[in-house]
Amino acid sequence: MTKSSSVNVVTVVAAALIRDSGEILLTQRPVGKSMAGLWEFPGGKLEAGETPEQALVRELREELSVSIDPGALEPLTFASHSYESFHLLMPLYICREWAGSISPLEKQATAWVTPAQLTDYPMPPADLPLIPLLQRGP
C-alpha cells in the first residue's frame, strides 16, 4: 500500500450577483494577489467556524459594501480544481437581491457582463467550468 501525499484543500465561496437585466458582476483580482488581473466571481475564503453562506455575506460586505440576506443565496454548483500548491473547492451561489450600491472597497475593477460576455474575460482555471452553467440560464 502506498502512502498518498496530503493535499492542502482551500475552500472559498463565490457569488454570481445578477441584476434584473441579467448581467452578472465580475471583479478583477488586484495587483499583489495571486492571479492578479484575472476576473472572477466575488467572494473569498471561509474563516474558522463559518458556513459558506456566512462567509459569502461577510466577504461581499467587506469587498463590495453590500448587505445580503443569507436566504437570498441560491446554491448553483461548485468548482473543484487542483492548482500547483493547493486544491480549491469553491461553492458558487446565485444572488439576485442585495441592499446597497456595489462599491469596490479594495479598489478592484468591476464589470457587469451578460452571460454571453463571460468568456471575453480571462478567469482563473477553476472559474471556467462555471461559465456554461450561467450561460444556460435559470
Protein backbone atom coordinates (compact mmCIF):
# COMPACT_ATOMS: atom_id res chain seq x y z
CA MET A 1 0.00 0.00 0.00
CA THR A 2 1.41 3.38 -0.97
CA LYS A 3 1.11 6.39 1.24
CA SER A 4 -0.62 9.28 -0.51
CA SER A 5 0.70 12.77 -0.06
CA SER A 6 -1.56 15.17 1.75
CA VAL A 7 -3.27 17.87 -0.24
CA ASN A 8 -3.96 21.33 1.10
CA VAL A 9 -7.65 21.91 0.31
CA VAL A 10 -8.66 25.56 0.34
CA THR A 11 -12.37 26.37 0.46
CA VAL A 12 -13.55 29.67 -0.93
CA VAL A 13 -17.09 30.71 -1.69
CA ALA A 14 -18.28 32.87 -4.58
CA ALA A 15 -21.44 34.55 -5.82
CA ALA A 16 -22.83 35.34 -9.22
CA LEU A 17 -24.59 38.63 -8.41
CA ILE A 18 -27.22 39.00 -11.12
CA ARG A 19 -29.08 42.24 -11.90
CA ASP A 20 -32.67 42.33 -13.16
CA SER A 21 -31.24 42.89 -16.66
CA GLY A 22 -29.48 39.51 -16.40
CA GLU A 23 -25.97 40.97 -16.20
CA ILE A 24 -23.51 39.26 -13.84
CA LEU A 25 -20.92 41.06 -11.72
CA LEU A 26 -17.25 40.19 -12.18
CA THR A 27 -14.39 41.60 -10.12
CA GLN A 28 -10.76 41.80 -11.16
CA ARG A 29 -8.08 40.35 -8.90
CA PRO A 30 -5.90 43.24 -7.73
CA VAL A 31 -2.16 43.63 -8.20
CA GLY A 32 -0.26 41.85 -5.44
CA LYS A 33 -2.65 38.89 -5.20
CA SER A 34 -2.12 35.58 -6.92
CA MET A 35 -3.62 35.52 -10.41
CA ALA A 36 -3.70 39.35 -10.44
CA GLY A 37 -5.57 40.81 -13.38
CA LEU A 38 -7.88 37.84 -13.85
CA TRP A 39 -11.64 38.29 -13.49
CA GLU A 40 -13.69 36.27 -11.01
CA PHE A 41 -16.99 35.99 -9.22
CA PRO A 42 -16.75 37.94 -5.93
CA GLY A 43 -16.28 36.05 -2.68
CA GLY A 44 -13.46 34.71 -0.56
CA LYS A 45 -12.11 32.23 1.95
CA LEU A 46 -14.13 30.73 4.75
CA GLU A 47 -12.93 31.63 8.23
CA ALA A 48 -12.93 29.10 11.07
CA GLY A 49 -16.45 28.32 12.24
CA GLU A 50 -18.23 29.97 9.26
CA THR A 51 -20.75 28.37 6.98
CA PRO A 52 -20.34 29.09 3.26
CA GLU A 53 -23.33 31.43 3.40
CA GLN A 54 -21.94 33.36 6.40
CA ALA A 55 -18.58 33.70 4.67
CA LEU A 56 -20.17 34.97 1.47
CA VAL A 57 -22.31 37.55 3.30
CA ARG A 58 -19.17 38.75 5.14
CA GLU A 59 -16.94 38.80 2.06
CA LEU A 60 -19.45 40.71 -0.09
CA ARG A 61 -19.89 43.28 2.69
CA GLU A 62 -16.09 43.66 3.10
CA GLU A 63 -15.29 43.72 -0.63
CA LEU A 64 -18.30 45.42 -2.22
CA SER A 65 -20.12 47.20 0.63
CA VAL A 66 -23.41 45.39 0.06
CA SER A 67 -25.65 43.63 2.56
CA ILE A 68 -27.09 40.27 1.65
CA ASP A 69 -29.70 38.20 3.43
CA PRO A 70 -28.35 34.62 3.56
CA GLY A 71 -31.81 33.49 2.40
CA ALA A 72 -31.21 35.29 -0.92
CA LEU A 73 -28.26 33.00 -1.73
CA GLU A 74 -29.23 30.16 -4.08
CA PRO A 75 -26.65 27.35 -4.34
CA LEU A 76 -25.90 26.68 -8.01
CA THR A 77 -22.85 24.40 -8.26
CA PHE A 78 -19.25 24.11 -7.14
CA ALA A 79 -15.80 24.08 -8.65
CA SER A 80 -13.09 21.60 -7.66
CA HIS A 81 -9.71 22.39 -9.17
CA SER A 82 -6.12 21.40 -8.43
CA TYR A 83 -3.58 24.20 -8.60
CA GLU A 84 0.14 23.57 -8.18
CA SER A 85 0.27 24.15 -4.41
CA PHE A 86 -3.32 23.55 -3.28
CA HIS A 87 -6.72 22.17 -4.26
CA LEU A 88 -9.57 24.67 -4.50
CA LEU A 89 -13.12 23.80 -3.54
CA MET A 90 -15.49 26.65 -4.41
CA PRO A 91 -19.27 26.61 -3.90
CA LEU A 92 -20.97 29.08 -6.26
CA TYR A 93 -24.21 30.78 -5.30
CA ILE A 94 -26.57 32.95 -7.31
CA CYS A 95 -27.79 36.15 -5.67
CA ARG A 96 -30.38 38.46 -7.21
CA GLU A 97 -31.14 40.63 -4.16
CA TRP A 98 -28.87 42.83 -2.07
CA ALA A 99 -29.04 46.12 -0.19
CA GLY A 100 -26.73 48.98 -1.02
CA SER A 101 -24.79 50.01 -4.09
CA ILE A 102 -21.86 47.97 -5.35
CA SER A 103 -18.78 49.87 -4.15
CA PRO A 104 -15.44 48.05 -4.51
CA LEU A 105 -13.76 48.69 -1.16
CA GLU A 106 -10.48 47.04 -2.22
CA LYS A 107 -10.25 49.32 -5.29
CA GLN A 108 -10.71 46.31 -7.57
CA ALA A 109 -12.17 46.83 -11.04
CA THR A 110 -15.72 45.57 -11.57
CA ALA A 111 -17.72 44.78 -14.68
CA TRP A 112 -21.36 43.93 -15.27
CA VAL A 113 -21.45 41.49 -18.17
CA THR A 114 -24.06 39.49 -19.99
CA PRO A 115 -23.79 35.70 -19.71
CA ALA A 116 -22.59 35.60 -23.35
CA GLN A 117 -19.73 38.01 -22.49
CA LEU A 118 -18.35 35.88 -19.64
CA THR A 119 -15.92 34.14 -21.99
CA ASP A 120 -14.49 37.56 -23.01
CA TYR A 121 -12.91 37.99 -19.54
CA PRO A 122 -9.80 35.98 -18.61
CA MET A 123 -10.59 33.98 -15.45
CA PRO A 124 -8.76 31.61 -13.14
CA PRO A 125 -8.95 27.98 -14.33
CA ALA A 126 -11.32 26.98 -11.51
CA ASP A 127 -13.93 29.53 -12.66
CA LEU A 128 -14.05 28.43 -16.31
CA PRO A 129 -16.33 25.36 -15.85
CA LEU A 130 -18.90 27.62 -14.12
CA ILE A 131 -19.46 29.77 -17.21
CA PRO A 132 -21.63 27.33 -19.24
CA LEU A 133 -23.99 26.88 -16.28
CA LEU A 134 -24.50 30.64 -16.02
CA GLN A 135 -24.92 30.96 -19.77
CA ARG A 136 -27.62 28.29 -19.76
CA GLY A 137 -29.81 30.45 -17.54
CA PRO A 138 -32.38 29.51 -14.92
